Amino acid sequence: MAAKLYIVGTPIGNLGDMTYRAVETLRAVDFIAAEDTRVTQKLLLHFDIRKPLVSYHEHNRKYVGDSILARILAGESCAVVTDAGMPCISDPGEDLVRLCAESGVPVEVVPGPSALVSALAVSGLDTSTFAFEGFPSTASTSRKEMLERTAKEPRTLIFYEAPHKLVQTLNDFYKYYGERKIALCRELTKLHEEVIRTTLSEAVGIYDDDLRKPRGEYVIVIEGAKEPKVPEMTVEAALIQVEALIAKGVRGADACREVAKSSGYAKSELYSALLAKKER
């Protein structure tokens, strides 16, 4: 097999999703760089593949990456895999690809399952444009910066989250994003696969009691920020409609709420303008 780096996608849960090409590639390469060799060894045994494994992960990528590159430059072929899904996506494999590219080493992709794309497809939300943010930072400053930045993002947002951090993350999303549609996708392709399509306010309350605890890895898909609605008339014209309803016996607050639906102004804006006009 040619001396190059192969990016090989592996199942995110269901072993039946392993592609023929992925199996053949893993059988043909000289060695495999794996995030967790124990997890990958189970996968290889299932498909009767016996190949040398090299541990390559977040904490050793700087020095192991150089040794992998040296072996490829010496004529060996290597496949990089992650524990589940596509390597190099929110994964240290991206550094290995960059290292190979900078050294002129060929890189070939063998596509496979992807949790983020699978979750987006099943979310029921807009799939035309989206932004993948990976795992939210646990550092308070960078987490706050991310939340403030993404709160204005009009594209559909996708995050990964661990079960023990899910409740806090949902509360933070609701605090910064307000009410939006959301899909909570867990254990995709596995026996207990579940997709909960709801709103952020309702999602926060799902795990409030001790009867339902977050379980499994989650992919969170959130509706993007909506463009501010441009008023279709002046505030003066909207107030004329409000006053016309009041003249018919409708309460001021109710009249403002009704006109807000068609005018582009918030009920509170119209009510404040109404009170200000009365004070003149």
C-alpha atoms as a PDB file:
ATOM      1  CA  MET A   1       0.000   0.000   0.000  1.00  0.00           C
ATOM      2  CA  ALA A   2       1.226   3.515  -0.812  1.00  0.00           C
ATOM      3  CA  ALA A   3       3.116   5.382   1.887  1.00  0.00           C
ATOM      4  CA  LYS A   4       0.473   7.882   2.962  1.00  0.00           C
ATOM      5  CA  LEU A   5      -1.883   8.796   5.771  1.00  0.00           C
ATOM      6  CA  TYR A   6      -5.424   7.397   5.556  1.00  0.00           C
ATOM      7  CA  ILE A   7      -8.203   9.117   7.523  1.00  0.00           C
ATOM      8  CA  VAL A   8     -10.623   6.276   8.286  1.00  0.00           C
ATOM      9  CA  GLY A   9     -14.128   6.801   9.639  1.00  0.00           C
ATOM     10  CA  THR A  10     -15.409   4.168  12.085  1.00  0.00           C
ATOM     11  CA  PRO A  11     -18.912   3.480  13.481  1.00  0.00           C
ATOM     12  CA  ILE A  12     -20.335   5.823  16.114  1.00  0.00           C
ATOM     13  CA  GLY A  13     -22.117   2.915  17.769  1.00  0.00           C
ATOM     14  CA  ASN A  14     -23.520   0.377  15.335  1.00  0.00           C
ATOM     15  CA  LEU A  15     -20.773  -1.863  13.932  1.00  0.00           C
ATOM     16  CA  GLY A  16     -22.978  -2.516  10.911  1.00  0.00           C
ATOM     17  CA  ASP A  17     -22.126   1.005   9.731  1.00  0.00           C
ATOM     18  CA  MET A  18     -18.496   0.083   9.061  1.00  0.00           C
ATOM     19  CA  THR A  19     -17.843   0.418   5.317  1.00  0.00           C
ATOM     20  CA  TYR A  20     -16.172  -2.218   3.130  1.00  0.00           C
ATOM     21  CA  ARG A  21     -13.537   0.301   2.139  1.00  0.00           C
ATOM     22  CA  ALA A  22     -12.759   1.136   5.772  1.00  0.00           C
ATOM     23  CA  VAL A  23     -12.250  -2.560   6.593  1.00  0.00           C
ATOM     24  CA  GLU A  24     -10.031  -3.119   3.557  1.00  0.00           C
ATOM     25  CA  THR A  25      -7.977  -0.021   4.324  1.00  0.00           C
ATOM     26  CA  LEU A  26      -7.351  -1.047   7.925  1.00  0.00           C
ATOM     27  CA  ARG A  27      -6.324  -4.499   6.732  1.00  0.00           C
ATOM     28  CA  ALA A  28      -3.898  -3.085   4.188  1.00  0.00           C
ATOM     29  CA  VAL A  29      -2.028  -0.361   6.082  1.00  0.00           C
ATOM     30  CA  ASP A  30       1.220  -1.043   7.945  1.00  0.00           C
ATOM     31  CA  PHE A  31       0.010   0.424  11.255  1.00  0.00           C
ATOM     32  CA  ILE A  32      -2.922   2.294  12.827  1.00  0.00           C
ATOM     33  CA  ALA A  33      -2.840   5.453  14.948  1.00  0.00           C
ATOM     34  CA  ALA A  34      -5.718   5.234  17.438  1.00  0.00           C
ATOM     35  CA  GLU A  35      -7.166   7.600  20.029  1.00  0.00           C
ATOM     36  CA  ASP A  36      -7.672   4.716  22.496  1.00  0.00           C
ATOM     37  CA  THR A  37      -5.957   1.487  21.458  1.00  0.00           C
ATOM     38  CA  ARG A  38      -8.255  -0.597  23.683  1.00  0.00           C
ATOM     39  CA  VAL A  39     -11.389   0.682  21.928  1.00  0.00           C
ATOM     40  CA  THR A  40      -9.858   0.263  18.466  1.00  0.00           C
ATOM     41  CA  GLN A  41      -8.585  -3.226  19.308  1.00  0.00           C
ATOM     42  CA  LYS A  42     -12.173  -4.359  19.947  1.00  0.00           C
ATOM     43  CA  LEU A  43     -13.214  -2.976  16.560  1.00  0.00           C
ATOM     44  CA  LEU A  44     -10.323  -4.708  14.801  1.00  0.00           C
ATOM     45  CA  LEU A  45     -11.031  -8.055  16.467  1.00  0.00           C
ATOM     46  CA  HIS A  46     -14.667  -7.852  15.372  1.00  0.00           C
ATOM     47  CA  PHE A  47     -13.540  -7.622  11.743  1.00  0.00           C
ATOM     48  CA  ASP A  48     -10.616 -10.017  12.234  1.00  0.00           C
ATOM     49  CA  ILE A  49      -8.012  -7.331  11.539  1.00  0.00           C
ATOM     50  CA  ARG A  50      -4.589  -7.706  13.136  1.00  0.00           C
ATOM     51  CA  LYS A  51      -2.408  -4.636  12.819  1.00  0.00           C
ATOM     52  CA  PRO A  52       0.087  -2.813  15.075  1.00  0.00           C
ATOM     53  CA  LEU A  53      -1.499   0.057  16.987  1.00  0.00           C
ATOM     54  CA  VAL A  54       0.066   3.367  18.003  1.00  0.00           C
ATOM     55  CA  SER A  55      -1.551   5.456  20.729  1.00  0.00           C
ATOM     56  CA  TYR A  56      -2.183   8.949  19.375  1.00  0.00           C
ATOM     57  CA  HIS A  57      -4.349  11.335  21.401  1.00  0.00           C
ATOM     58  CA  GLU A  58      -4.701  14.855  22.800  1.00  0.00           C
ATOM     59  CA  HIS A  59      -1.956  14.475  25.409  1.00  0.00           C
ATOM     60  CA  ASN A  60       0.802  12.911  23.286  1.00  0.00           C
ATOM     61  CA  ARG A  61       0.089  14.268  19.799  1.00  0.00           C
ATOM     62  CA  LYS A  62       3.053  16.655  19.723  1.00  0.00           C
ATOM     63  CA  TYR A  63       5.762  14.021  19.962  1.00  0.00           C
ATOM     64  CA  VAL A  64       3.913  10.956  18.629  1.00  0.00           C
ATOM     65  CA  GLY A  65       2.860  12.890  15.530  1.00  0.00           C
ATOM     66  CA  ASP A  66       6.496  13.394  14.548  1.00  0.00           C
ATOM     67  CA  SER A  67       7.263   9.689  14.911  1.00  0.00           C
ATOM     68  CA  ILE A  68       4.217   8.742  12.793  1.00  0.00           C
ATOM     69  CA  LEU A  69       5.294  11.188  10.108  1.00  0.00           C
ATOM     70  CA  ALA A  70       8.832   9.762  10.143  1.00  0.00           C
ATOM     71  CA  ARG A  71       7.505   6.239   9.587  1.00  0.00           C
ATOM     72  CA  ILE A  72       5.357   7.347   6.639  1.00  0.00           C
ATOM     73  CA  LEU A  73       8.314   9.223   5.121  1.00  0.00           C
ATOM     74  CA  ALA A  74      10.308   6.007   5.502  1.00  0.00           C
ATOM     75  CA  GLY A  75       7.777   4.172   3.327  1.00  0.00           C
ATOM     76  CA  GLU A  76       5.063   2.888   5.681  1.00  0.00           C
ATOM     77  CA  SER A  77       1.320   3.510   5.389  1.00  0.00           C
ATOM     78  CA  CYS A  78      -0.761   4.628   8.372  1.00  0.00           C
ATOM     79  CA  ALA A  79      -4.478   4.859   9.116  1.00  0.00           C
ATOM     80  CA  VAL A  80      -5.660   7.316  11.755  1.00  0.00           C
ATOM     81  CA  VAL A  81      -8.902   6.501  13.585  1.00  0.00           C
ATOM     82  CA  THR A  82     -10.806   7.929  16.517  1.00  0.00           C
ATOM     83  CA  ASP A  83     -12.889   6.019  19.073  1.00  0.00           C
ATOM     84  CA  ALA A  84     -16.036   6.672  17.050  1.00  0.00           C
ATOM     85  CA  GLY A  85     -16.891   8.541  13.869  1.00  0.00           C
ATOM     86  CA  MET A  86     -14.681  10.648  11.639  1.00  0.00           C
ATOM     87  CA  PRO A  87     -11.153  11.410  12.865  1.00  0.00           C
ATOM     88  CA  CYS A  88      -9.777  14.949  12.649  1.00  0.00           C
ATOM     89  CA  ILE A  89     -13.133  16.606  13.451  1.00  0.00           C
ATOM     90  CA  SER A  90     -12.821  18.221  16.899  1.00  0.00           C
ATOM     91  CA  ASP A  91     -10.050  15.647  17.306  1.00  0.00           C
ATOM     92  CA  PRO A  92      -6.207  15.694  17.523  1.00  0.00           C
ATOM     93  CA  GLY A  93      -6.058  13.901  14.181  1.00  0.00           C
ATOM     94  CA  GLU A  94      -6.308  17.317  12.516  1.00  0.00           C
ATOM     95  CA  ASP A  95      -2.769  18.086  13.727  1.00  0.00           C
ATOM     96  CA  LEU A  96      -1.463  14.891  12.112  1.00  0.00           C
ATOM     97  CA  VAL A  97      -3.104  15.801   8.799  1.00  0.00           C
ATOM     98  CA  ARG A  98      -1.579  19.284   8.949  1.00  0.00           C
ATOM     99  CA  LEU A  99       1.836  17.819   9.747  1.00  0.00           C
ATOM    100  CA  CYS A 100       1.627  15.462   6.764  1.00  0.00           C
ATOM    101  CA  ALA A 101       0.375  18.186   4.431  1.00  0.00           C
ATOM    102  CA  GLU A 102       3.245  20.491   5.400  1.00  0.00           C
ATOM    103  CA  SER A 103       5.733  17.672   4.728  1.00  0.00           C
ATOM    104  CA  GLY A 104       4.263  16.740   1.360  1.00  0.00           C
ATOM    105  CA  VAL A 105       2.883  13.406   2.569  1.00  0.00           C
ATOM    106  CA  PRO A 106      -0.262  12.307   0.674  1.00  0.00           C
ATOM    107  CA  VAL A 107      -3.448  12.160   2.766  1.00  0.00           C
ATOM    108  CA  GLU A 108      -6.491  10.146   1.692  1.00  0.00           C
ATOM    109  CA  VAL A 109      -9.904  10.128   3.350  1.00  0.00           C
ATOM    110  CA  VAL A 110     -12.055   7.030   3.802  1.00  0.00           C
ATOM    111  CA  PRO A 111     -15.433   8.538   4.824  1.00  0.00           C
ATOM    112  CA  GLY A 112     -17.566   7.030   7.522  1.00  0.00           C
ATOM    113  CA  PRO A 113     -20.283   7.844  10.075  1.00  0.00           C
ATOM    114  CA  SER A 114     -20.307  11.268  11.717  1.00  0.00           C
ATOM    115  CA  ALA A 115     -22.264  12.073  14.864  1.00  0.00           C
ATOM    116  CA  LEU A 116     -22.652  15.755  14.044  1.00  0.00           C
ATOM    117  CA  VAL A 117     -23.986  15.186  10.515  1.00  0.00           C
ATOM    118  CA  SER A 118     -26.259  12.353  11.687  1.00  0.00           C
ATOM    119  CA  ALA A 119     -27.707  14.536  14.446  1.00  0.00           C
ATOM    120  CA  LEU A 120     -28.244  17.451  12.075  1.00  0.00           C
ATOM    121  CA  ALA A 121     -30.028  15.203   9.588  1.00  0.00           C
ATOM    122  CA  VAL A 122     -32.440  13.851  12.195  1.00  0.00           C
ATOM    123  CA  SER A 123     -32.928  17.122  14.119  1.00  0.00           C
ATOM    124  CA  GLY A 124     -35.765  18.519  12.014  1.00  0.00           C
ATOM    125  CA  LEU A 125     -34.023  21.914  12.020  1.00  0.00           C
ATOM    126  CA  ASP A 126     -32.592  23.923   9.118  1.00  0.00           C
ATOM    127  CA  THR A 127     -29.742  21.991   7.474  1.00  0.00           C
ATOM    128  CA  SER A 128     -28.869  24.450   4.693  1.00  0.00           C
ATOM    129  CA  THR A 129     -26.153  26.160   6.740  1.00  0.00           C
ATOM    130  CA  PHE A 130     -24.753  25.187  10.131  1.00  0.00           C
ATOM    131  CA  ALA A 131     -21.863  25.838  12.524  1.00  0.00           C
ATOM    132  CA  PHE A 132     -20.179  23.055  14.495  1.00  0.00           C
ATOM    133  CA  GLU A 133     -18.784  24.252  17.835  1.00  0.00           C
ATOM    134  CA  GLY A 134     -17.599  20.933  19.335  1.00  0.00           C
ATOM    135  CA  PHE A 135     -17.528  20.625  23.134  1.00  0.00           C
ATOM    136  CA  PRO A 136     -18.312  23.871  25.016  1.00  0.00           C
ATOM    137  CA  SER A 137     -15.309  25.054  27.005  1.00  0.00           C
ATOM    138  CA  THR A 138     -15.400  24.536  30.770  1.00  0.00           C
ATOM    139  CA  ALA A 139     -13.186  27.599  31.358  1.00  0.00           C
ATOM    140  CA  SER A 140     -15.519  30.407  32.442  1.00  0.00           C
ATOM    141  CA  THR A 141     -13.992  33.192  30.325  1.00  0.00           C
ATOM    142  CA  SER A 142     -13.780  31.290  27.025  1.00  0.00           C
ATOM    143  CA  ARG A 143     -17.192  29.715  27.651  1.00  0.00           C
ATOM    144  CA  LYS A 144     -18.771  33.152  28.145  1.00  0.00           C
ATOM    145  CA  GLU A 145     -17.079  34.466  24.989  1.00  0.00           C
ATOM    146  CA  MET A 146     -18.361  31.491  22.977  1.00  0.00           C
ATOM    147  CA  LEU A 147     -21.912  31.889  24.268  1.00  0.00           C
ATOM    148  CA  GLU A 148     -21.969  35.615  23.504  1.00  0.00           C
ATOM    149  CA  ARG A 149     -20.559  35.059  20.010  1.00  0.00           C
ATOM    150  CA  THR A 150     -22.863  32.191  19.048  1.00  0.00           C
ATOM    151  CA  ALA A 151     -25.954  33.906  20.488  1.00  0.00           C
ATOM    152  CA  LYS A 152     -25.998  36.055  17.333  1.00  0.00           C
ATOM    153  CA  GLU A 153     -25.153  33.220  14.915  1.00  0.00           C
ATOM    154  CA  PRO A 154     -27.981  32.775  12.355  1.00  0.00           C
ATOM    155  CA  ARG A 155     -26.828  29.294  11.276  1.00  0.00           C
ATOM    156  CA  THR A 156     -27.993  26.125  13.007  1.00  0.00           C
ATOM    157  CA  LEU A 157     -25.605  25.356  15.884  1.00  0.00           C
ATOM    158  CA  ILE A 158     -24.218  21.914  16.742  1.00  0.00           C
ATOM    159  CA  PHE A 159     -22.456  20.985  19.977  1.00  0.00           C
ATOM    160  CA  TYR A 160     -21.138  17.843  21.642  1.00  0.00           C
ATOM    161  CA  GLU A 161     -21.629  17.388  25.375  1.00  0.00           C
ATOM    162  CA  ALA A 162     -20.955  14.777  28.058  1.00  0.00           C
ATOM    163  CA  PRO A 163     -23.928  13.610  30.178  1.00  0.00           C
ATOM    164  CA  HIS A 164     -22.620  14.995  33.491  1.00  0.00           C
ATOM    165  CA  LYS A 165     -22.260  18.482  31.968  1.00  0.00           C
ATOM    166  CA  LEU A 166     -25.502  18.546  29.979  1.00  0.00           C
ATOM    167  CA  VAL A 167     -27.808  20.243  32.506  1.00  0.00           C
ATOM    168  CA  GLN A 168     -25.469  23.182  33.130  1.00  0.00           C
ATOM    169  CA  THR A 169     -24.846  23.588  29.401  1.00  0.00           C
ATOM    170  CA  LEU A 170     -28.583  23.657  28.627  1.00  0.00           C
ATOM    171  CA  ASN A 171     -29.097  26.305  31.320  1.00  0.00           C
ATOM    172  CA  ASP A 172     -26.309  28.415  29.835  1.00  0.00           C
ATOM    173  CA  PHE A 173     -27.763  28.081  26.341  1.00  0.00           C
ATOM    174  CA  TYR A 174     -31.189  29.219  27.540  1.00  0.00           C
ATOM    175  CA  LYS A 175     -29.650  32.137  29.440  1.00  0.00           C
ATOM    176  CA  TYR A 176     -27.754  33.436  26.407  1.00  0.00           C
ATOM    177  CA  TYR A 177     -29.925  32.291  23.475  1.00  0.00           C
ATOM    178  CA  GLY A 178     -33.423  32.642  24.880  1.00  0.00           C
ATOM    179  CA  GLU A 179     -36.241  30.512  23.516  1.00  0.00           C
ATOM    180  CA  ARG A 180     -35.320  28.419  20.464  1.00  0.00           C
ATOM    181  CA  LYS A 181     -36.007  25.023  18.959  1.00  0.00           C
ATOM    182  CA  ILE A 182     -33.542  22.315  19.956  1.00  0.00           C
ATOM    183  CA  ALA A 183     -32.868  18.638  19.264  1.00  0.00           C
ATOM    184  CA  LEU A 184     -31.144  16.539  21.929  1.00  0.00           C
ATOM    185  CA  CYS A 185     -29.616  13.513  20.217  1.00  0.00           C
ATOM    186  CA  ARG A 186     -28.035  10.771  22.308  1.00  0.00           C
ATOM    187  CA  GLU A 187     -26.611   7.322  21.680  1.00  0.00           C
ATOM    188  CA  LEU A 188     -27.067   7.708  17.924  1.00  0.00           C
ATOM    189  CA  THR A 189     -27.135   4.361  16.029  1.00  0.00           C
ATOM    190  CA  LYS A 190     -27.018   2.460  19.339  1.00  0.00           C
ATOM    191  CA  LEU A 191     -29.658   0.370  21.101  1.00  0.00           C
ATOM    192  CA  HIS A 192     -30.970   3.271  23.203  1.00  0.00           C
ATOM    193  CA  GLU A 193     -30.867   5.943  20.494  1.00  0.00           C
ATOM    194  CA  GLU A 194     -33.080   8.893  21.381  1.00  0.00           C
ATOM    195  CA  VAL A 195     -33.875  12.214  19.707  1.00  0.00           C
ATOM    196  CA  ILE A 196     -35.811  14.781  21.748  1.00  0.00           C
ATOM    197  CA  ARG A 197     -37.137  17.666  19.646  1.00  0.00           C
ATOM    198  CA  THR A 198     -38.279  20.453  21.929  1.00  0.00           C
ATOM    199  CA  THR A 199     -37.491  24.053  22.943  1.00  0.00           C
ATOM    200  CA  LEU A 200     -34.673  25.334  25.116  1.00  0.00           C
ATOM    201  CA  SER A 201     -37.009  26.275  27.975  1.00  0.00           C
ATOM    202  CA  GLU A 202     -38.531  22.798  27.993  1.00  0.00           C
ATOM    203  CA  ALA A 203     -35.136  21.108  27.564  1.00  0.00           C
ATOM    204  CA  VAL A 204     -33.894  22.790  30.746  1.00  0.00           C
ATOM    205  CA  GLY A 205     -36.731  21.183  32.692  1.00  0.00           C
ATOM    206  CA  ILE A 206     -36.404  17.668  31.269  1.00  0.00           C
ATOM    207  CA  TYR A 207     -33.692  16.637  33.705  1.00  0.00           C
ATOM    208  CA  ASP A 208     -34.908  18.646  36.719  1.00  0.00           C
ATOM    209  CA  ASP A 209     -35.919  15.644  38.795  1.00  0.00           C
ATOM    210  CA  ASP A 210     -33.931  12.608  39.910  1.00  0.00           C
ATOM    211  CA  LEU A 211     -36.066  10.233  37.841  1.00  0.00           C
ATOM    212  CA  ARG A 212     -34.416  11.182  34.555  1.00  0.00           C
ATOM    213  CA  LYS A 213     -30.656  11.543  34.412  1.00  0.00           C
ATOM    214  CA  PRO A 214     -28.658  12.363  31.257  1.00  0.00           C
ATOM    215  CA  ARG A 215     -27.106   9.173  29.891  1.00  0.00           C
ATOM    216  CA  GLY A 216     -24.724   8.622  26.984  1.00  0.00           C
ATOM    217  CA  GLU A 217     -22.951  11.136  24.797  1.00  0.00           C
ATOM    218  CA  TYR A 218     -25.092  13.974  23.430  1.00  0.00           C
ATOM    219  CA  VAL A 219     -25.151  15.949  20.205  1.00  0.00           C
ATOM    220  CA  ILE A 220     -27.101  19.179  20.711  1.00  0.00           C
ATOM    221  CA  VAL A 221     -28.603  20.872  17.650  1.00  0.00           C
ATOM    222  CA  ILE A 222     -29.990  24.383  18.188  1.00  0.00           C
ATOM    223  CA  GLU A 223     -31.949  26.708  15.934  1.00  0.00           C
ATOM    224  CA  GLY A 224     -29.913  29.715  14.788  1.00  0.00           C
ATOM    225  CA  ALA A 225     -30.631  33.300  15.794  1.00  0.00           C
ATOM    226  CA  LYS A 226     -33.447  34.888  13.842  1.00  0.00           C
ATOM    227  CA  GLU A 227     -32.952  38.172  12.029  1.00  0.00           C
ATOM    228  CA  PRO A 228     -34.565  41.086  13.921  1.00  0.00           C
ATOM    229  CA  LYS A 229     -37.982  41.796  12.486  1.00  0.00           C
ATOM    230  CA  VAL A 230     -38.045  45.115  10.657  1.00  0.00           C
ATOM    231  CA  PRO A 231     -41.131  47.182  11.542  1.00  0.00           C
ATOM    232  CA  GLU A 232     -43.507  47.450   8.620  1.00  0.00           C
ATOM    233  CA  MET A 233     -44.878  50.826   9.734  1.00  0.00           C
ATOM    234  CA  THR A 234     -43.941  53.818  11.851  1.00  0.00           C
ATOM    235  CA  VAL A 235     -44.619  53.694  15.585  1.00  0.00           C
ATOM    236  CA  GLU A 236     -47.106  56.525  15.125  1.00  0.00           C
ATOM    237  CA  ALA A 237     -49.094  54.481  12.611  1.00  0.00           C
ATOM    238  CA  ALA A 238     -49.008  51.471  14.943  1.00  0.00           C
ATOM    239  CA  LEU A 239     -50.301  53.625  17.816  1.00  0.00           C
ATOM    240  CA  ILE A 240     -53.240  54.749  15.666  1.00  0.00           C
ATOM    241  CA  GLN A 241     -54.222  51.065  15.323  1.00  0.00           C
ATOM    242  CA  VAL A 242     -53.762  50.544  19.079  1.00  0.00           C
ATOM    243  CA  GLU A 243     -55.979  53.521  19.905  1.00  0.00           C
ATOM    244  CA  ALA A 244     -58.608  52.312  17.435  1.00  0.00           C
ATOM    245  CA  LEU A 245     -58.806  48.994  19.300  1.00  0.00           C
ATOM    246  CA  ILE A 246     -58.957  50.770  22.658  1.00  0.00           C
ATOM    247  CA  ALA A 247     -61.833  52.880  21.353  1.00  0.00           C
ATOM    248  CA  LYS A 248     -63.665  49.609  20.700  1.00  0.00           C
ATOM    249  CA  GLY A 249     -63.248  48.577  24.333  1.00  0.00           C
ATOM    250  CA  VAL A 250     -60.041  46.513  24.093  1.00  0.00           C
ATOM    251  CA  ARG A 251     -57.638  46.850  27.051  1.00  0.00           C
ATOM    252  CA  GLY A 252     -54.487  48.849  26.310  1.00  0.00           C
ATOM    253  CA  ALA A 253     -52.103  45.937  26.925  1.00  0.00           C
ATOM    254  CA  ASP A 254     -54.230  43.603  24.792  1.00  0.00           C
ATOM    255  CA  ALA A 255     -54.443  46.168  22.000  1.00  0.00           C
ATOM    256  CA  CYS A 256     -50.661  46.542  22.009  1.00  0.00           C
ATOM    257  CA  ARG A 257     -50.217  42.760  21.901  1.00  0.00           C
ATOM    258  CA  GLU A 258     -52.584  42.467  18.912  1.00  0.00           C
ATOM    259  CA  VAL A 259     -50.935  45.250  16.878  1.00  0.00           C
ATOM    260  CA  ALA A 260     -47.459  43.908  17.702  1.00  0.00           C
ATOM    261  CA  LYS A 261     -48.241  40.782  15.659  1.00  0.00           C
ATOM    262  CA  SER A 262     -48.438  42.714  12.401  1.00  0.00           C
ATOM    263  CA  SER A 263     -46.443  45.887  12.990  1.00  0.00           C
ATOM    264  CA  GLY A 264     -42.986  44.491  13.768  1.00  0.00           C
ATOM    265  CA  TYR A 265     -42.860  46.301  17.127  1.00  0.00           C
ATOM    266  CA  ALA A 266     -42.741  44.486  20.450  1.00  0.00           C
ATOM    267  CA  LYS A 267     -45.784  44.753  22.702  1.00  0.00           C
ATOM    268  CA  SER A 268     -43.631  46.502  25.339  1.00  0.00           C
ATOM    269  CA  GLU A 269     -42.474  49.107  22.803  1.00  0.00           C
ATOM    270  CA  LEU A 270     -46.025  49.958  21.816  1.00  0.00           C
ATOM    271  CA  TYR A 271     -47.234  50.061  25.412  1.00  0.00           C
ATOM    272  CA  SER A 272     -44.390  52.410  26.430  1.00  0.00           C
ATOM    273  CA  ALA A 273     -45.141  54.655  23.450  1.00  0.00           C
ATOM    274  CA  LEU A 274     -48.843  54.649  24.368  1.00  0.00           C
ATOM    275  CA  LEU A 275     -48.117  55.702  27.974  1.00  0.00           C
ATOM    276  CA  ALA A 276     -45.682  58.381  26.797  1.00  0.00           C
ATOM    277  CA  LYS A 277     -48.296  59.817  24.427  1.00  0.00           C
ATOM    278  CA  LYS A 278     -50.858  59.989  27.234  1.00  0.00           C
ATOM    279  CA  GLU A 279     -48.390  61.924  29.415  1.00  0.00           C
ATOM    280  CA  ARG A 280     -47.826  64.627  26.795  1.00  0.00           C
END
